[in-house]
Amino acid sequence: MTFTHCDDFKDSFKSIEQINEDNVRYYKVEGDNCYPSITSVLSFINRKKFADWRARVGNEEANRKCKKGTTRGTAFHLVNEYYLNNDDYESLKDYQNPLIQLMFKANKADLDNRIGNIYQQETRMYSDKLCLAGTVDLICDVDGELSIVDFKTSEKEKPEEWLEDYFVQLSAYWAMFSEATGVVPKKLVVWLVGENGDVQIIERRNIMYYLTTLQAYVSKFIQYRDA
């Protein structure tokens, strides 16, 4: 399979620097402006939920699960990135991991059959309107429609109601892309692959709903940070 990469929006996104300050990821944009990353904002919003989970399972188990999830997610993203970029993904060290290989093979047919033209991949973007930045996984045609895509991994399939903040994250990238290009993607797509090979591809079109939630999240983050 060979994927088509299009240069339609190649001049819409400038290189921006990523920095970390007080355990928050920022992106340095025009002038001296620094915008927080959408992932840092979501981490802030979910901090109590995460703290409660850590207290419930214990620090040792929480650290183990976090490390495992981060390692799994990073490796899976890299293999997908290489494959979609028409590069030699099979030579990657991460691809030699049996778990990553199982997850990728389970996912490959959907990548081949549903992804069309690719416009952006691992692109740093920002929005002056939201005062927010981030790195999008993929902007491409999914089933023939321009979509914002985020790849996620998990131990097993997740109920759709647990994915809501993923769509809030995607709405941020939707806003950044639309602001930079003047082109409005049709949908948000969470592409989640479990360790057992289950693939969930969930789409949302009610983007304004998630943008409203996103704006409330950003306001809470800024109020807390600047207090």
C-alpha atoms as a PDB file:
ATOM      1  CA  MET A   1       0.000   0.000   0.000  1.00  0.00           C
ATOM      2  CA  THR A   2       1.268   3.465  -0.925  1.00  0.00           C
ATOM      3  CA  PHE A   3      -0.352   6.510   0.641  1.00  0.00           C
ATOM      4  CA  THR A   4      -0.728   9.809  -1.225  1.00  0.00           C
ATOM      5  CA  HIS A   5       0.671  12.875   0.521  1.00  0.00           C
ATOM      6  CA  CYS A   6      -0.683  16.224  -0.647  1.00  0.00           C
ATOM      7  CA  ASP A   7       1.015  19.613  -0.321  1.00  0.00           C
ATOM      8  CA  ASP A   8      -2.207  21.654  -0.314  1.00  0.00           C
ATOM      9  CA  PHE A   9      -1.500  23.206   3.096  1.00  0.00           C
ATOM     10  CA  LYS A  10       2.280  22.921   3.344  1.00  0.00           C
ATOM     11  CA  ASP A  11       2.777  26.705   3.683  1.00  0.00           C
ATOM     12  CA  SER A  12       0.084  27.130   6.340  1.00  0.00           C
ATOM     13  CA  PHE A  13       2.139  25.855   9.275  1.00  0.00           C
ATOM     14  CA  LYS A  14       5.407  27.272  10.566  1.00  0.00           C
ATOM     15  CA  SER A  15       7.871  25.465  12.785  1.00  0.00           C
ATOM     16  CA  ILE A  16       7.179  26.288  16.443  1.00  0.00           C
ATOM     17  CA  GLU A  17       9.319  25.487  19.462  1.00  0.00           C
ATOM     18  CA  GLN A  18       8.108  23.269  22.282  1.00  0.00           C
ATOM     19  CA  ILE A  19       9.143  24.169  25.839  1.00  0.00           C
ATOM     20  CA  ASN A  20       8.291  22.894  29.334  1.00  0.00           C
ATOM     21  CA  GLU A  21       7.667  25.111  32.323  1.00  0.00           C
ATOM     22  CA  ASP A  22       6.251  24.121  35.737  1.00  0.00           C
ATOM     23  CA  ASN A  23       5.286  20.686  34.390  1.00  0.00           C
ATOM     24  CA  VAL A  24       3.255  22.297  31.609  1.00  0.00           C
ATOM     25  CA  ARG A  25       4.088  21.961  27.915  1.00  0.00           C
ATOM     26  CA  TYR A  26       4.019  25.202  25.965  1.00  0.00           C
ATOM     27  CA  TYR A  27       4.621  26.113  22.342  1.00  0.00           C
ATOM     28  CA  LYS A  28       6.420  29.327  21.469  1.00  0.00           C
ATOM     29  CA  VAL A  29       4.508  30.962  18.621  1.00  0.00           C
ATOM     30  CA  GLU A  30       4.624  34.457  17.065  1.00  0.00           C
ATOM     31  CA  GLY A  31       6.839  36.902  18.966  1.00  0.00           C
ATOM     32  CA  ASP A  32       7.161  36.009  22.638  1.00  0.00           C
ATOM     33  CA  ASN A  33       3.749  34.370  22.916  1.00  0.00           C
ATOM     34  CA  CYS A  34       3.662  30.928  24.498  1.00  0.00           C
ATOM     35  CA  TYR A  35       0.486  28.874  24.301  1.00  0.00           C
ATOM     36  CA  PRO A  36      -0.184  25.809  26.486  1.00  0.00           C
ATOM     37  CA  SER A  37      -0.585  22.463  24.770  1.00  0.00           C
ATOM     38  CA  ILE A  38      -4.029  20.907  24.585  1.00  0.00           C
ATOM     39  CA  THR A  39      -2.651  17.785  26.309  1.00  0.00           C
ATOM     40  CA  SER A  40      -1.463  19.879  29.276  1.00  0.00           C
ATOM     41  CA  VAL A  41      -4.872  21.539  29.539  1.00  0.00           C
ATOM     42  CA  LEU A  42      -6.612  18.152  29.531  1.00  0.00           C
ATOM     43  CA  SER A  43      -4.169  16.825  32.131  1.00  0.00           C
ATOM     44  CA  PHE A  44      -5.074  19.779  34.352  1.00  0.00           C
ATOM     45  CA  ILE A  45      -8.804  19.235  33.883  1.00  0.00           C
ATOM     46  CA  ASN A  46      -8.493  15.523  34.701  1.00  0.00           C
ATOM     47  CA  ARG A  47      -6.004  15.904  37.549  1.00  0.00           C
ATOM     48  CA  LYS A  48      -8.490  14.957  40.285  1.00  0.00           C
ATOM     49  CA  LYS A  49      -9.745  11.940  38.358  1.00  0.00           C
ATOM     50  CA  PHE A  50      -6.145  10.824  37.846  1.00  0.00           C
ATOM     51  CA  ALA A  51      -5.258  11.424  41.519  1.00  0.00           C
ATOM     52  CA  ASP A  52      -8.281   9.391  42.648  1.00  0.00           C
ATOM     53  CA  TRP A  53      -7.292   6.537  40.332  1.00  0.00           C
ATOM     54  CA  ARG A  54      -3.708   6.621  41.636  1.00  0.00           C
ATOM     55  CA  ALA A  55      -4.936   6.504  45.226  1.00  0.00           C
ATOM     56  CA  ARG A  56      -7.214   3.584  44.394  1.00  0.00           C
ATOM     57  CA  VAL A  57      -4.634   1.372  42.667  1.00  0.00           C
ATOM     58  CA  GLY A  58      -1.556   2.535  44.590  1.00  0.00           C
ATOM     59  CA  ASN A  59       1.525   4.416  43.413  1.00  0.00           C
ATOM     60  CA  GLU A  60       3.499   1.357  42.324  1.00  0.00           C
ATOM     61  CA  GLU A  61       0.726  -0.005  40.111  1.00  0.00           C
ATOM     62  CA  ALA A  62      -0.121   3.475  38.801  1.00  0.00           C
ATOM     63  CA  ASN A  63       3.514   4.082  37.836  1.00  0.00           C
ATOM     64  CA  ARG A  64       3.685   0.683  36.125  1.00  0.00           C
ATOM     65  CA  LYS A  65       0.523   1.287  34.114  1.00  0.00           C
ATOM     66  CA  CYS A  66       1.546   4.820  33.158  1.00  0.00           C
ATOM     67  CA  LYS A  67       4.966   3.686  31.970  1.00  0.00           C
ATOM     68  CA  LYS A  68       3.472   0.790  30.041  1.00  0.00           C
ATOM     69  CA  GLY A  69       0.835   2.992  28.416  1.00  0.00           C
ATOM     70  CA  THR A  70       3.323   5.692  27.457  1.00  0.00           C
ATOM     71  CA  THR A  71       5.788   3.173  25.996  1.00  0.00           C
ATOM     72  CA  ARG A  72       3.038   1.350  24.087  1.00  0.00           C
ATOM     73  CA  GLY A  73       1.530   4.567  22.737  1.00  0.00           C
ATOM     74  CA  THR A  74       4.846   6.048  21.617  1.00  0.00           C
ATOM     75  CA  ALA A  75       5.881   2.859  19.822  1.00  0.00           C
ATOM     76  CA  PHE A  76       2.519   2.367  18.135  1.00  0.00           C
ATOM     77  CA  HIS A  77       2.416   5.993  16.966  1.00  0.00           C
ATOM     78  CA  LEU A  78       5.897   5.697  15.471  1.00  0.00           C
ATOM     79  CA  VAL A  79       5.095   2.527  13.532  1.00  0.00           C
ATOM     80  CA  ASN A  80       1.886   4.083  12.197  1.00  0.00           C
ATOM     81  CA  GLU A  81       3.742   7.252  11.270  1.00  0.00           C
ATOM     82  CA  TYR A  82       6.358   5.337   9.297  1.00  0.00           C
ATOM     83  CA  TYR A  83       3.762   3.197   7.553  1.00  0.00           C
ATOM     84  CA  LEU A  84       1.571   6.148   6.548  1.00  0.00           C
ATOM     85  CA  ASN A  85       4.673   8.004   5.373  1.00  0.00           C
ATOM     86  CA  ASN A  86       5.520   5.057   3.087  1.00  0.00           C
ATOM     87  CA  ASP A  87       8.705   4.391   5.062  1.00  0.00           C
ATOM     88  CA  ASP A  88      10.249   1.082   6.145  1.00  0.00           C
ATOM     89  CA  TYR A  89       8.296   0.527   9.368  1.00  0.00           C
ATOM     90  CA  GLU A  90       9.313  -3.149   9.630  1.00  0.00           C
ATOM     91  CA  SER A  91      12.938  -2.197  10.315  1.00  0.00           C
ATOM     92  CA  LEU A  92      11.982  -0.136  13.375  1.00  0.00           C
ATOM     93  CA  LYS A  93      13.104  -1.483  16.733  1.00  0.00           C
ATOM     94  CA  ASP A  94       9.625  -0.785  18.098  1.00  0.00           C
ATOM     95  CA  TYR A  95       8.076  -2.997  15.424  1.00  0.00           C
ATOM     96  CA  GLN A  96      10.039  -5.978  16.754  1.00  0.00           C
ATOM     97  CA  ASN A  97       7.960  -5.792  19.931  1.00  0.00           C
ATOM     98  CA  PRO A  98       5.369  -8.621  19.584  1.00  0.00           C
ATOM     99  CA  LEU A  99       2.617  -6.513  21.180  1.00  0.00           C
ATOM    100  CA  ILE A 100       3.173  -3.555  18.850  1.00  0.00           C
ATOM    101  CA  GLN A 101       3.346  -5.895  15.870  1.00  0.00           C
ATOM    102  CA  LEU A 102       0.062  -7.550  16.872  1.00  0.00           C
ATOM    103  CA  MET A 103      -1.664  -4.176  17.320  1.00  0.00           C
ATOM    104  CA  PHE A 104      -0.350  -2.798  14.039  1.00  0.00           C
ATOM    105  CA  LYS A 105      -1.336  -5.884  12.032  1.00  0.00           C
ATOM    106  CA  ALA A 106      -4.823  -5.750  13.534  1.00  0.00           C
ATOM    107  CA  ASN A 107      -5.071  -2.107  12.484  1.00  0.00           C
ATOM    108  CA  LYS A 108      -3.419  -2.269   9.060  1.00  0.00           C
ATOM    109  CA  ALA A 109      -6.483  -3.234   7.003  1.00  0.00           C
ATOM    110  CA  ASP A 110      -8.440  -0.249   8.315  1.00  0.00           C
ATOM    111  CA  LEU A 111      -5.538   2.071   7.524  1.00  0.00           C
ATOM    112  CA  ASP A 112      -5.372   0.680   3.998  1.00  0.00           C
ATOM    113  CA  ASN A 113      -9.097   0.740   3.327  1.00  0.00           C
ATOM    114  CA  ARG A 114     -10.216   3.934   5.012  1.00  0.00           C
ATOM    115  CA  ILE A 115      -7.386   6.474   4.783  1.00  0.00           C
ATOM    116  CA  GLY A 116      -7.062   8.458   1.559  1.00  0.00           C
ATOM    117  CA  ASN A 117      -5.083  11.623   0.879  1.00  0.00           C
ATOM    118  CA  ILE A 118      -2.797  12.686   3.724  1.00  0.00           C
ATOM    119  CA  TYR A 119      -2.315  16.423   4.326  1.00  0.00           C
ATOM    120  CA  GLN A 120      -0.557  16.734   7.682  1.00  0.00           C
ATOM    121  CA  GLN A 121       1.211  14.263   9.948  1.00  0.00           C
ATOM    122  CA  GLU A 122       2.713  14.984  13.384  1.00  0.00           C
ATOM    123  CA  THR A 123       2.311  18.715  12.691  1.00  0.00           C
ATOM    124  CA  ARG A 124       2.689  21.382  15.351  1.00  0.00           C
ATOM    125  CA  MET A 125      -0.136  23.914  15.174  1.00  0.00           C
ATOM    126  CA  TYR A 126      -1.688  26.692  17.230  1.00  0.00           C
ATOM    127  CA  SER A 127      -4.750  28.915  17.496  1.00  0.00           C
ATOM    128  CA  ASP A 128      -4.594  32.606  18.368  1.00  0.00           C
ATOM    129  CA  LYS A 129      -8.328  32.552  19.044  1.00  0.00           C
ATOM    130  CA  LEU A 130      -8.029  29.783  21.616  1.00  0.00           C
ATOM    131  CA  CYS A 131      -4.498  30.697  22.812  1.00  0.00           C
ATOM    132  CA  LEU A 132      -3.716  27.013  22.521  1.00  0.00           C
ATOM    133  CA  ALA A 133      -1.260  24.788  20.642  1.00  0.00           C
ATOM    134  CA  GLY A 134      -0.516  21.132  20.044  1.00  0.00           C
ATOM    135  CA  THR A 135       0.779  18.404  17.738  1.00  0.00           C
ATOM    136  CA  VAL A 136      -1.823  16.622  15.646  1.00  0.00           C
ATOM    137  CA  ASP A 137      -1.363  12.951  14.745  1.00  0.00           C
ATOM    138  CA  LEU A 138      -2.954  13.024  11.315  1.00  0.00           C
ATOM    139  CA  ILE A 139      -5.094  15.157   9.027  1.00  0.00           C
ATOM    140  CA  CYS A 140      -6.317  13.138   6.090  1.00  0.00           C
ATOM    141  CA  ASP A 141      -9.327  11.905   4.175  1.00  0.00           C
ATOM    142  CA  VAL A 142     -11.153   9.154   6.066  1.00  0.00           C
ATOM    143  CA  ASP A 143     -13.718   7.425   3.889  1.00  0.00           C
ATOM    144  CA  GLY A 144     -13.374  10.331   1.468  1.00  0.00           C
ATOM    145  CA  GLU A 145     -13.959  13.138   4.001  1.00  0.00           C
ATOM    146  CA  LEU A 146     -11.362  15.539   5.424  1.00  0.00           C
ATOM    147  CA  SER A 147     -10.839  14.472   9.032  1.00  0.00           C
ATOM    148  CA  ILE A 148      -8.791  15.188  12.140  1.00  0.00           C
ATOM    149  CA  VAL A 149      -7.453  11.865  13.433  1.00  0.00           C
ATOM    150  CA  ASP A 150      -5.892  10.903  16.743  1.00  0.00           C
ATOM    151  CA  PHE A 151      -4.410   7.456  17.351  1.00  0.00           C
ATOM    152  CA  LYS A 152      -4.880   6.036  20.833  1.00  0.00           C
ATOM    153  CA  THR A 153      -3.913   2.745  22.467  1.00  0.00           C
ATOM    154  CA  SER A 154      -5.384   0.931  25.444  1.00  0.00           C
ATOM    155  CA  GLU A 155      -5.325  -2.404  27.221  1.00  0.00           C
ATOM    156  CA  LYS A 156      -8.804  -3.186  25.901  1.00  0.00           C
ATOM    157  CA  GLU A 157     -11.830  -1.693  24.177  1.00  0.00           C
ATOM    158  CA  LYS A 158     -13.292   1.391  25.877  1.00  0.00           C
ATOM    159  CA  PRO A 159     -16.920   2.495  26.215  1.00  0.00           C
ATOM    160  CA  GLU A 160     -17.599   5.417  23.894  1.00  0.00           C
ATOM    161  CA  GLU A 161     -18.541   7.690  26.812  1.00  0.00           C
ATOM    162  CA  TRP A 162     -14.957   7.374  28.060  1.00  0.00           C
ATOM    163  CA  LEU A 163     -13.658   8.903  24.835  1.00  0.00           C
ATOM    164  CA  GLU A 164     -15.276  12.323  25.179  1.00  0.00           C
ATOM    165  CA  ASP A 165     -12.104  14.213  26.128  1.00  0.00           C
ATOM    166  CA  TYR A 166     -10.345  12.682  23.122  1.00  0.00           C
ATOM    167  CA  PHE A 167     -12.870  14.503  20.940  1.00  0.00           C
ATOM    168  CA  VAL A 168     -12.289  17.709  22.899  1.00  0.00           C
ATOM    169  CA  GLN A 169      -8.595  17.313  22.049  1.00  0.00           C
ATOM    170  CA  LEU A 170      -9.439  16.732  18.391  1.00  0.00           C
ATOM    171  CA  SER A 171     -11.671  19.806  18.317  1.00  0.00           C
ATOM    172  CA  ALA A 172      -8.614  21.854  19.307  1.00  0.00           C
ATOM    173  CA  TYR A 173      -6.695  20.563  16.288  1.00  0.00           C
ATOM    174  CA  TRP A 174      -9.783  21.172  14.136  1.00  0.00           C
ATOM    175  CA  ALA A 175      -9.803  24.815  15.250  1.00  0.00           C
ATOM    176  CA  MET A 176      -6.059  25.227  14.706  1.00  0.00           C
ATOM    177  CA  PHE A 177      -6.216  23.740  11.214  1.00  0.00           C
ATOM    178  CA  SER A 178      -9.306  25.726  10.193  1.00  0.00           C
ATOM    179  CA  GLU A 179      -7.789  28.965  11.467  1.00  0.00           C
ATOM    180  CA  ALA A 180      -4.520  28.411   9.618  1.00  0.00           C
ATOM    181  CA  THR A 181      -5.968  27.215   6.300  1.00  0.00           C
ATOM    182  CA  GLY A 182      -9.524  28.509   6.029  1.00  0.00           C
ATOM    183  CA  VAL A 183     -10.589  24.927   5.264  1.00  0.00           C
ATOM    184  CA  VAL A 184     -13.063  23.226   7.599  1.00  0.00           C
ATOM    185  CA  PRO A 185     -12.646  19.454   8.151  1.00  0.00           C
ATOM    186  CA  LYS A 186     -15.832  17.419   8.225  1.00  0.00           C
ATOM    187  CA  LYS A 187     -15.266  15.206  11.249  1.00  0.00           C
ATOM    188  CA  LEU A 188     -13.185  14.146  14.228  1.00  0.00           C
ATOM    189  CA  VAL A 189     -11.937  10.554  14.374  1.00  0.00           C
ATOM    190  CA  VAL A 190     -10.628   8.682  17.420  1.00  0.00           C
ATOM    191  CA  TRP A 191      -8.696   5.632  16.190  1.00  0.00           C
ATOM    192  CA  LEU A 192      -8.163   3.382  19.204  1.00  0.00           C
ATOM    193  CA  VAL A 193      -6.383   0.014  19.146  1.00  0.00           C
ATOM    194  CA  GLY A 194      -6.341  -2.360  22.100  1.00  0.00           C
ATOM    195  CA  GLU A 195      -3.660  -4.809  23.143  1.00  0.00           C
ATOM    196  CA  ASN A 196      -5.902  -7.696  22.075  1.00  0.00           C
ATOM    197  CA  GLY A 197      -6.171  -6.280  18.556  1.00  0.00           C
ATOM    198  CA  ASP A 198      -9.626  -4.721  18.935  1.00  0.00           C
ATOM    199  CA  VAL A 199      -9.922  -1.613  16.750  1.00  0.00           C
ATOM    200  CA  GLN A 200     -12.396   1.157  17.547  1.00  0.00           C
ATOM    201  CA  ILE A 201     -12.817   3.922  14.968  1.00  0.00           C
ATOM    202  CA  ILE A 202     -15.289   6.437  16.376  1.00  0.00           C
ATOM    203  CA  GLU A 203     -16.370   9.559  14.498  1.00  0.00           C
ATOM    204  CA  ARG A 204     -18.045  12.770  15.642  1.00  0.00           C
ATOM    205  CA  ARG A 205     -19.466  15.603  13.560  1.00  0.00           C
ATOM    206  CA  ASN A 206     -20.936  17.805  16.335  1.00  0.00           C
ATOM    207  CA  ILE A 207     -17.672  19.708  16.535  1.00  0.00           C
ATOM    208  CA  MET A 208     -19.147  22.894  18.022  1.00  0.00           C
ATOM    209  CA  TYR A 209     -20.257  20.916  21.069  1.00  0.00           C
ATOM    210  CA  TYR A 210     -16.687  19.866  21.779  1.00  0.00           C
ATOM    211  CA  LEU A 211     -15.326  23.333  21.032  1.00  0.00           C
ATOM    212  CA  THR A 212     -17.637  24.789  23.680  1.00  0.00           C
ATOM    213  CA  THR A 213     -16.301  22.277  26.196  1.00  0.00           C
ATOM    214  CA  LEU A 214     -12.754  23.041  25.081  1.00  0.00           C
ATOM    215  CA  GLN A 215     -13.182  26.784  25.630  1.00  0.00           C
ATOM    216  CA  ALA A 216     -14.444  26.131  29.160  1.00  0.00           C
ATOM    217  CA  TYR A 217     -11.429  23.890  29.833  1.00  0.00           C
ATOM    218  CA  VAL A 218      -8.962  26.516  28.581  1.00  0.00           C
ATOM    219  CA  SER A 219     -10.600  29.220  30.732  1.00  0.00           C
ATOM    220  CA  LYS A 220     -10.325  27.041  33.842  1.00  0.00           C
ATOM    221  CA  PHE A 221      -6.694  26.257  33.089  1.00  0.00           C
ATOM    222  CA  ILE A 222      -5.737  29.914  32.582  1.00  0.00           C
ATOM    223  CA  GLN A 223      -7.597  31.052  35.706  1.00  0.00           C
ATOM    224  CA  TYR A 224      -5.829  28.436  37.811  1.00  0.00           C
ATOM    225  CA  ARG A 225      -2.407  29.102  36.258  1.00  0.00           C
ATOM    226  CA  ASP A 226      -2.622  32.871  36.640  1.00  0.00           C
ATOM    227  CA  ALA A 227      -4.191  32.883  40.133  1.00  0.00           C
END
